[in-house]
Amino acid sequence: MNPHPPVFVVEDEEPVRLSLAKLLRAIGVPSRTFASAESFLTSYAGDEAGCLLVDIRMPGMSGLDLIEELERRGIALPAIVMTGHGDEKSLQRLNTLHTIGFLEKPFSVGQLKEMIGRWRSTLDRAEPA
């Protein structure tokens, strides 16, 4: 198992995407960035360990659609979902998916670190003794 699997940042807004990659690098978390859910699906091999950091609202396929598509393919890639536009329907839909948690933009570095910590703690529990 890769001791430091990446966070896959899927965010359509380039300044936000680049800022998130820079922030993750600053806190010691490798990342790969994607401008759309479709570009992520095109490049993701399906067996790579990691975590999604995905925006709910994007042109084309939404973040929730991406998580559902991964689940349809039998891929249980954990996800941290973020949005600046949380609505009740999206939040209800979010509760049915394989997610670590939800971040409302703007969020703090501490909130992101806490979510990354949740994900990494699941990795620690999954490693053989």
N, C-alpha and C. Protein backbone atom coordinates (compact mmCIF):
# COMPACT_ATOMS: atom_id res chain seq x y z
N MET A 1 0.85 -1.19 0.00
CA MET A 1 0.00 0.00 0.00
C MET A 1 0.89 1.24 0.00
N ASN A 2 0.56 2.21 -0.80
CA ASN A 2 1.27 3.49 -0.82
C ASN A 2 1.09 4.16 0.53
N PRO A 3 2.21 4.50 1.23
CA PRO A 3 2.05 5.10 2.56
C PRO A 3 1.43 6.50 2.53
N HIS A 4 1.46 7.12 1.39
CA HIS A 4 0.92 8.47 1.27
C HIS A 4 0.06 8.60 0.02
N PRO A 5 -1.10 7.95 0.00
CA PRO A 5 -1.95 8.07 -1.19
C PRO A 5 -2.43 9.52 -1.36
N PRO A 6 -2.71 9.91 -2.59
CA PRO A 6 -3.07 11.30 -2.85
C PRO A 6 -4.52 11.63 -2.58
N VAL A 7 -4.75 12.91 -2.47
CA VAL A 7 -6.10 13.46 -2.51
C VAL A 7 -6.32 13.89 -3.95
N PHE A 8 -7.40 13.43 -4.54
CA PHE A 8 -7.77 13.80 -5.90
C PHE A 8 -8.70 15.01 -5.82
N VAL A 9 -8.20 16.17 -6.16
CA VAL A 9 -8.98 17.41 -6.09
C VAL A 9 -9.74 17.56 -7.40
N VAL A 10 -11.07 17.54 -7.32
CA VAL A 10 -11.91 17.70 -8.51
C VAL A 10 -12.72 18.97 -8.29
N GLU A 11 -12.30 20.03 -8.98
CA GLU A 11 -12.86 21.38 -8.79
C GLU A 11 -12.76 22.11 -10.11
N ASP A 12 -13.88 22.66 -10.59
CA ASP A 12 -13.89 23.33 -11.88
C ASP A 12 -13.26 24.71 -11.88
N GLU A 13 -13.23 25.39 -10.75
CA GLU A 13 -12.67 26.73 -10.69
C GLU A 13 -11.16 26.65 -10.48
N GLU A 14 -10.40 27.05 -11.51
CA GLU A 14 -8.95 26.89 -11.47
C GLU A 14 -8.27 27.53 -10.26
N PRO A 15 -8.60 28.78 -9.90
CA PRO A 15 -7.93 29.36 -8.72
C PRO A 15 -8.17 28.56 -7.44
N VAL A 16 -9.38 28.04 -7.28
CA VAL A 16 -9.70 27.23 -6.10
C VAL A 16 -8.93 25.91 -6.16
N ARG A 17 -8.93 25.29 -7.32
CA ARG A 17 -8.24 24.01 -7.51
C ARG A 17 -6.74 24.15 -7.19
N LEU A 18 -6.12 25.19 -7.72
CA LEU A 18 -4.69 25.40 -7.49
C LEU A 18 -4.40 25.75 -6.04
N SER A 19 -5.28 26.53 -5.42
CA SER A 19 -5.11 26.87 -4.00
C SER A 19 -5.21 25.64 -3.12
N LEU A 20 -6.16 24.76 -3.44
CA LEU A 20 -6.31 23.54 -2.66
C LEU A 20 -5.08 22.64 -2.80
N ALA A 21 -4.54 22.54 -4.01
CA ALA A 21 -3.34 21.73 -4.22
C ALA A 21 -2.16 22.31 -3.44
N LYS A 22 -2.04 23.61 -3.45
CA LYS A 22 -0.96 24.27 -2.71
C LYS A 22 -1.13 24.05 -1.20
N LEU A 23 -2.34 24.19 -0.72
CA LEU A 23 -2.63 23.98 0.70
C LEU A 23 -2.33 22.54 1.12
N LEU A 24 -2.77 21.58 0.31
CA LEU A 24 -2.51 20.18 0.62
C LEU A 24 -1.00 19.91 0.66
N ARG A 25 -0.28 20.46 -0.30
CA ARG A 25 1.18 20.30 -0.33
C ARG A 25 1.80 20.88 0.94
N ALA A 26 1.31 22.04 1.38
CA ALA A 26 1.84 22.70 2.58
C ALA A 26 1.61 21.88 3.85
N ILE A 27 0.55 21.08 3.87
CA ILE A 27 0.28 20.25 5.06
C ILE A 27 0.77 18.82 4.87
N GLY A 28 1.56 18.61 3.81
CA GLY A 28 2.20 17.31 3.60
C GLY A 28 1.34 16.25 2.98
N VAL A 29 0.33 16.65 2.21
CA VAL A 29 -0.58 15.70 1.58
C VAL A 29 -0.41 15.78 0.06
N PRO A 30 0.02 14.68 -0.57
CA PRO A 30 0.13 14.71 -2.03
C PRO A 30 -1.26 14.84 -2.67
N SER A 31 -1.29 15.47 -3.83
CA SER A 31 -2.58 15.63 -4.51
C SER A 31 -2.39 15.56 -6.02
N ARG A 32 -3.49 15.29 -6.69
CA ARG A 32 -3.60 15.38 -8.15
C ARG A 32 -4.86 16.17 -8.41
N THR A 33 -4.82 17.05 -9.39
CA THR A 33 -5.96 17.93 -9.63
C THR A 33 -6.63 17.64 -10.97
N PHE A 34 -7.94 17.90 -10.97
CA PHE A 34 -8.77 17.67 -12.16
C PHE A 34 -9.78 18.80 -12.27
N ALA A 35 -10.00 19.29 -13.48
CA ALA A 35 -10.91 20.40 -13.71
C ALA A 35 -12.36 19.96 -13.84
N SER A 36 -12.60 18.66 -13.94
CA SER A 36 -13.97 18.16 -14.08
C SER A 36 -14.05 16.72 -13.62
N ALA A 37 -15.27 16.31 -13.33
CA ALA A 37 -15.51 14.91 -12.96
C ALA A 37 -15.16 14.00 -14.14
N GLU A 38 -15.49 14.45 -15.33
CA GLU A 38 -15.20 13.65 -16.53
C GLU A 38 -13.70 13.44 -16.71
N SER A 39 -12.89 14.49 -16.49
CA SER A 39 -11.44 14.33 -16.65
C SER A 39 -10.88 13.39 -15.57
N PHE A 40 -11.45 13.42 -14.38
CA PHE A 40 -11.03 12.49 -13.34
C PHE A 40 -11.33 11.06 -13.78
N LEU A 41 -12.56 10.80 -14.23
CA LEU A 41 -12.95 9.45 -14.63
C LEU A 41 -12.09 8.93 -15.78
N THR A 42 -11.69 9.82 -16.69
CA THR A 42 -10.87 9.42 -17.82
C THR A 42 -9.48 8.96 -17.38
N SER A 43 -8.94 9.58 -16.34
CA SER A 43 -7.58 9.26 -15.94
C SER A 43 -7.47 8.30 -14.76
N TYR A 44 -8.54 8.11 -14.00
CA TYR A 44 -8.48 7.27 -12.80
C TYR A 44 -8.51 5.79 -13.18
N ALA A 45 -7.51 5.04 -12.71
CA ALA A 45 -7.38 3.63 -13.07
C ALA A 45 -8.40 2.73 -12.36
N GLY A 46 -8.99 3.21 -11.27
CA GLY A 46 -10.00 2.42 -10.58
C GLY A 46 -9.47 1.61 -9.41
N ASP A 47 -8.16 1.44 -9.34
CA ASP A 47 -7.59 0.67 -8.24
C ASP A 47 -6.59 1.49 -7.42
N GLU A 48 -6.51 2.77 -7.69
CA GLU A 48 -5.59 3.64 -6.96
C GLU A 48 -6.18 4.03 -5.62
N ALA A 49 -5.37 3.92 -4.58
CA ALA A 49 -5.80 4.39 -3.26
C ALA A 49 -5.79 5.91 -3.27
N GLY A 50 -6.65 6.49 -2.49
CA GLY A 50 -6.71 7.94 -2.40
C GLY A 50 -8.04 8.38 -1.84
N CYS A 51 -8.25 9.67 -1.91
CA CYS A 51 -9.47 10.28 -1.41
C CYS A 51 -9.87 11.39 -2.38
N LEU A 52 -11.14 11.48 -2.66
CA LEU A 52 -11.65 12.58 -3.47
C LEU A 52 -11.89 13.80 -2.59
N LEU A 53 -11.53 14.96 -3.08
CA LEU A 53 -11.96 16.24 -2.53
C LEU A 53 -12.69 16.89 -3.68
N VAL A 54 -14.02 16.83 -3.64
CA VAL A 54 -14.81 17.13 -4.83
C VAL A 54 -15.87 18.19 -4.56
N ASP A 55 -16.01 19.10 -5.52
CA ASP A 55 -17.04 20.13 -5.45
C ASP A 55 -18.38 19.52 -5.88
N ILE A 56 -19.44 19.93 -5.22
CA ILE A 56 -20.77 19.42 -5.62
C ILE A 56 -21.16 19.97 -6.98
N ARG A 57 -21.08 21.28 -7.13
CA ARG A 57 -21.59 21.90 -8.36
C ARG A 57 -20.45 22.19 -9.33
N MET A 58 -20.55 21.53 -10.50
CA MET A 58 -19.60 21.75 -11.59
C MET A 58 -20.37 21.62 -12.89
N PRO A 59 -19.88 22.27 -13.94
CA PRO A 59 -20.51 22.06 -15.24
C PRO A 59 -20.40 20.59 -15.64
N GLY A 60 -21.38 20.09 -16.32
CA GLY A 60 -21.36 18.68 -16.70
C GLY A 60 -21.73 17.82 -15.50
N MET A 61 -20.93 16.82 -15.26
CA MET A 61 -21.18 15.88 -14.16
C MET A 61 -20.88 16.56 -12.82
N SER A 62 -21.82 16.49 -11.90
CA SER A 62 -21.61 17.09 -10.57
C SER A 62 -20.72 16.18 -9.72
N GLY A 63 -20.28 16.70 -8.60
CA GLY A 63 -19.49 15.90 -7.67
C GLY A 63 -20.27 14.71 -7.14
N LEU A 64 -21.54 14.91 -6.86
CA LEU A 64 -22.37 13.80 -6.38
C LEU A 64 -22.57 12.75 -7.47
N ASP A 65 -22.74 13.22 -8.72
CA ASP A 65 -22.84 12.29 -9.85
C ASP A 65 -21.56 11.47 -9.97
N LEU A 66 -20.40 12.11 -9.76
CA LEU A 66 -19.12 11.41 -9.83
C LEU A 66 -19.04 10.31 -8.78
N ILE A 67 -19.39 10.63 -7.55
CA ILE A 67 -19.35 9.63 -6.48
C ILE A 67 -20.30 8.47 -6.80
N GLU A 68 -21.50 8.79 -7.29
CA GLU A 68 -22.44 7.74 -7.66
C GLU A 68 -21.91 6.87 -8.80
N GLU A 69 -21.25 7.49 -9.78
CA GLU A 69 -20.68 6.72 -10.90
C GLU A 69 -19.58 5.79 -10.41
N LEU A 70 -18.72 6.28 -9.52
CA LEU A 70 -17.68 5.42 -8.95
C LEU A 70 -18.31 4.23 -8.22
N GLU A 71 -19.35 4.50 -7.44
CA GLU A 71 -20.03 3.42 -6.72
C GLU A 71 -20.67 2.43 -7.68
N ARG A 72 -21.25 2.92 -8.79
CA ARG A 72 -21.82 2.03 -9.81
C ARG A 72 -20.75 1.10 -10.38
N ARG A 73 -19.53 1.63 -10.48
CA ARG A 73 -18.40 0.84 -11.01
C ARG A 73 -17.77 -0.05 -9.94
N GLY A 74 -18.32 -0.03 -8.75
CA GLY A 74 -17.79 -0.86 -7.67
C GLY A 74 -16.54 -0.28 -7.02
N ILE A 75 -16.35 1.03 -7.16
CA ILE A 75 -15.18 1.70 -6.60
C ILE A 75 -15.62 2.50 -5.39
N ALA A 76 -15.15 2.11 -4.22
CA ALA A 76 -15.51 2.79 -2.98
C ALA A 76 -14.41 3.76 -2.59
N LEU A 77 -14.19 4.76 -3.41
CA LEU A 77 -13.18 5.79 -3.13
C LEU A 77 -13.79 6.79 -2.15
N PRO A 78 -13.20 6.92 -0.95
CA PRO A 78 -13.78 7.86 0.01
C PRO A 78 -13.75 9.28 -0.53
N ALA A 79 -14.71 10.09 -0.11
CA ALA A 79 -14.84 11.44 -0.66
C ALA A 79 -15.13 12.45 0.44
N ILE A 80 -14.51 13.60 0.27
CA ILE A 80 -14.83 14.78 1.05
C ILE A 80 -15.52 15.72 0.06
N VAL A 81 -16.73 16.10 0.37
CA VAL A 81 -17.52 16.92 -0.55
C VAL A 81 -17.52 18.36 -0.06
N MET A 82 -17.33 19.27 -1.01
CA MET A 82 -17.32 20.69 -0.66
C MET A 82 -18.26 21.45 -1.58
N THR A 83 -18.82 22.54 -1.04
CA THR A 83 -19.68 23.38 -1.85
C THR A 83 -19.83 24.75 -1.22
N GLY A 84 -20.10 25.70 -2.05
CA GLY A 84 -20.49 27.02 -1.60
C GLY A 84 -21.99 27.20 -1.72
N HIS A 85 -22.66 26.16 -2.20
CA HIS A 85 -24.09 26.24 -2.49
C HIS A 85 -24.81 25.01 -1.96
N GLY A 86 -24.74 24.77 -0.66
CA GLY A 86 -25.41 23.61 -0.09
C GLY A 86 -26.91 23.79 -0.08
N ASP A 87 -27.62 22.80 -0.59
CA ASP A 87 -29.08 22.83 -0.52
C ASP A 87 -29.55 21.52 0.09
N GLU A 88 -30.75 21.51 0.61
CA GLU A 88 -31.27 20.36 1.34
C GLU A 88 -31.28 19.08 0.49
N LYS A 89 -31.67 19.19 -0.78
CA LYS A 89 -31.72 18.01 -1.65
C LYS A 89 -30.33 17.41 -1.83
N SER A 90 -29.32 18.25 -2.06
CA SER A 90 -27.95 17.76 -2.22
C SER A 90 -27.44 17.12 -0.94
N LEU A 91 -27.75 17.74 0.19
CA LEU A 91 -27.30 17.21 1.48
C LEU A 91 -27.95 15.86 1.78
N GLN A 92 -29.22 15.71 1.42
CA GLN A 92 -29.90 14.43 1.61
C GLN A 92 -29.27 13.36 0.71
N ARG A 93 -28.99 13.74 -0.52
CA ARG A 93 -28.36 12.81 -1.47
C ARG A 93 -26.97 12.43 -0.99
N LEU A 94 -26.26 13.39 -0.43
CA LEU A 94 -24.91 13.18 0.10
C LEU A 94 -24.92 12.11 1.18
N ASN A 95 -25.95 12.07 2.00
CA ASN A 95 -26.03 11.11 3.10
C ASN A 95 -26.15 9.66 2.63
N THR A 96 -26.49 9.44 1.37
CA THR A 96 -26.63 8.08 0.85
C THR A 96 -25.34 7.58 0.21
N LEU A 97 -24.32 8.44 0.13
CA LEU A 97 -23.09 8.10 -0.59
C LEU A 97 -21.94 7.80 0.35
N HIS A 98 -20.90 7.19 -0.20
CA HIS A 98 -19.68 6.84 0.54
C HIS A 98 -18.83 8.11 0.70
N THR A 99 -19.08 8.85 1.77
CA THR A 99 -18.34 10.09 1.98
C THR A 99 -17.77 10.14 3.40
N ILE A 100 -16.71 10.91 3.53
CA ILE A 100 -16.10 11.15 4.83
C ILE A 100 -16.78 12.31 5.52
N GLY A 101 -17.14 13.31 4.73
CA GLY A 101 -17.78 14.47 5.30
C GLY A 101 -18.02 15.56 4.27
N PHE A 102 -18.46 16.68 4.78
CA PHE A 102 -18.92 17.80 3.95
C PHE A 102 -18.25 19.08 4.45
N LEU A 103 -17.72 19.86 3.53
CA LEU A 103 -17.12 21.16 3.85
C LEU A 103 -17.87 22.24 3.11
N GLU A 104 -18.31 23.25 3.84
CA GLU A 104 -18.99 24.38 3.22
C GLU A 104 -17.96 25.48 2.98
N LYS A 105 -17.88 25.94 1.72
CA LYS A 105 -16.94 27.01 1.36
C LYS A 105 -17.46 28.33 1.90
N PRO A 106 -16.60 29.19 2.37
CA PRO A 106 -15.17 28.96 2.58
C PRO A 106 -14.96 28.15 3.85
N PHE A 107 -14.00 27.25 3.82
CA PHE A 107 -13.68 26.45 5.01
C PHE A 107 -12.25 26.76 5.45
N SER A 108 -11.97 26.42 6.67
CA SER A 108 -10.65 26.72 7.23
C SER A 108 -9.67 25.59 6.96
N VAL A 109 -8.40 25.91 7.10
CA VAL A 109 -7.36 24.90 6.99
C VAL A 109 -7.61 23.81 8.04
N GLY A 110 -7.99 24.22 9.23
CA GLY A 110 -8.27 23.26 10.30
C GLY A 110 -9.38 22.29 9.94
N GLN A 111 -10.44 22.80 9.32
CA GLN A 111 -11.54 21.92 8.91
C GLN A 111 -11.07 20.91 7.87
N LEU A 112 -10.26 21.37 6.90
CA LEU A 112 -9.75 20.46 5.88
C LEU A 112 -8.82 19.42 6.52
N LYS A 113 -7.95 19.86 7.40
CA LYS A 113 -7.04 18.93 8.08
C LYS A 113 -7.82 17.88 8.88
N GLU A 114 -8.90 18.30 9.51
CA GLU A 114 -9.72 17.36 10.28
C GLU A 114 -10.32 16.30 9.37
N MET A 115 -10.81 16.70 8.20
CA MET A 115 -11.38 15.74 7.24
C MET A 115 -10.30 14.80 6.71
N ILE A 116 -9.12 15.34 6.39
CA ILE A 116 -8.01 14.52 5.91
C ILE A 116 -7.62 13.53 7.02
N GLY A 117 -7.62 14.00 8.26
CA GLY A 117 -7.32 13.12 9.39
C GLY A 117 -8.32 11.98 9.51
N ARG A 118 -9.60 12.26 9.28
CA ARG A 118 -10.63 11.20 9.30
C ARG A 118 -10.31 10.13 8.26
N TRP A 119 -9.98 10.61 7.05
CA TRP A 119 -9.67 9.68 5.97
C TRP A 119 -8.43 8.86 6.31
N ARG A 120 -7.38 9.52 6.75
CA ARG A 120 -6.14 8.80 7.06
C ARG A 120 -6.33 7.82 8.20
N SER A 121 -7.21 8.12 9.14
CA SER A 121 -7.44 7.18 10.25
C SER A 121 -8.10 5.91 9.72
N THR A 122 -8.89 6.01 8.66
CA THR A 122 -9.48 4.80 8.07
C THR A 122 -8.41 3.97 7.40
N LEU A 123 -7.40 4.63 6.84
CA LEU A 123 -6.28 3.91 6.22
C LEU A 123 -5.50 3.14 7.27
N ASP A 124 -5.25 3.80 8.40
CA ASP A 124 -4.50 3.17 9.49
C ASP A 124 -5.21 1.92 9.99
N ARG A 125 -6.53 1.99 10.10
CA ARG A 125 -7.31 0.83 10.58
C ARG A 125 -7.32 -0.29 9.56
N ALA A 126 -7.19 0.05 8.27
CA ALA A 126 -7.26 -0.97 7.22
C ALA A 126 -5.94 -1.70 7.02
N GLU A 127 -4.82 -1.14 7.51
CA GLU A 127 -3.51 -1.78 7.32
C GLU A 127 -3.39 -3.02 8.19
N PRO A 128 -2.76 -4.08 7.64
CA PRO A 128 -2.58 -5.29 8.44
C PRO A 128 -1.63 -5.04 9.60
N ALA A 129 -1.86 -5.73 10.72
CA ALA A 129 -1.03 -5.55 11.92
C ALA A 129 0.29 -6.25 11.78
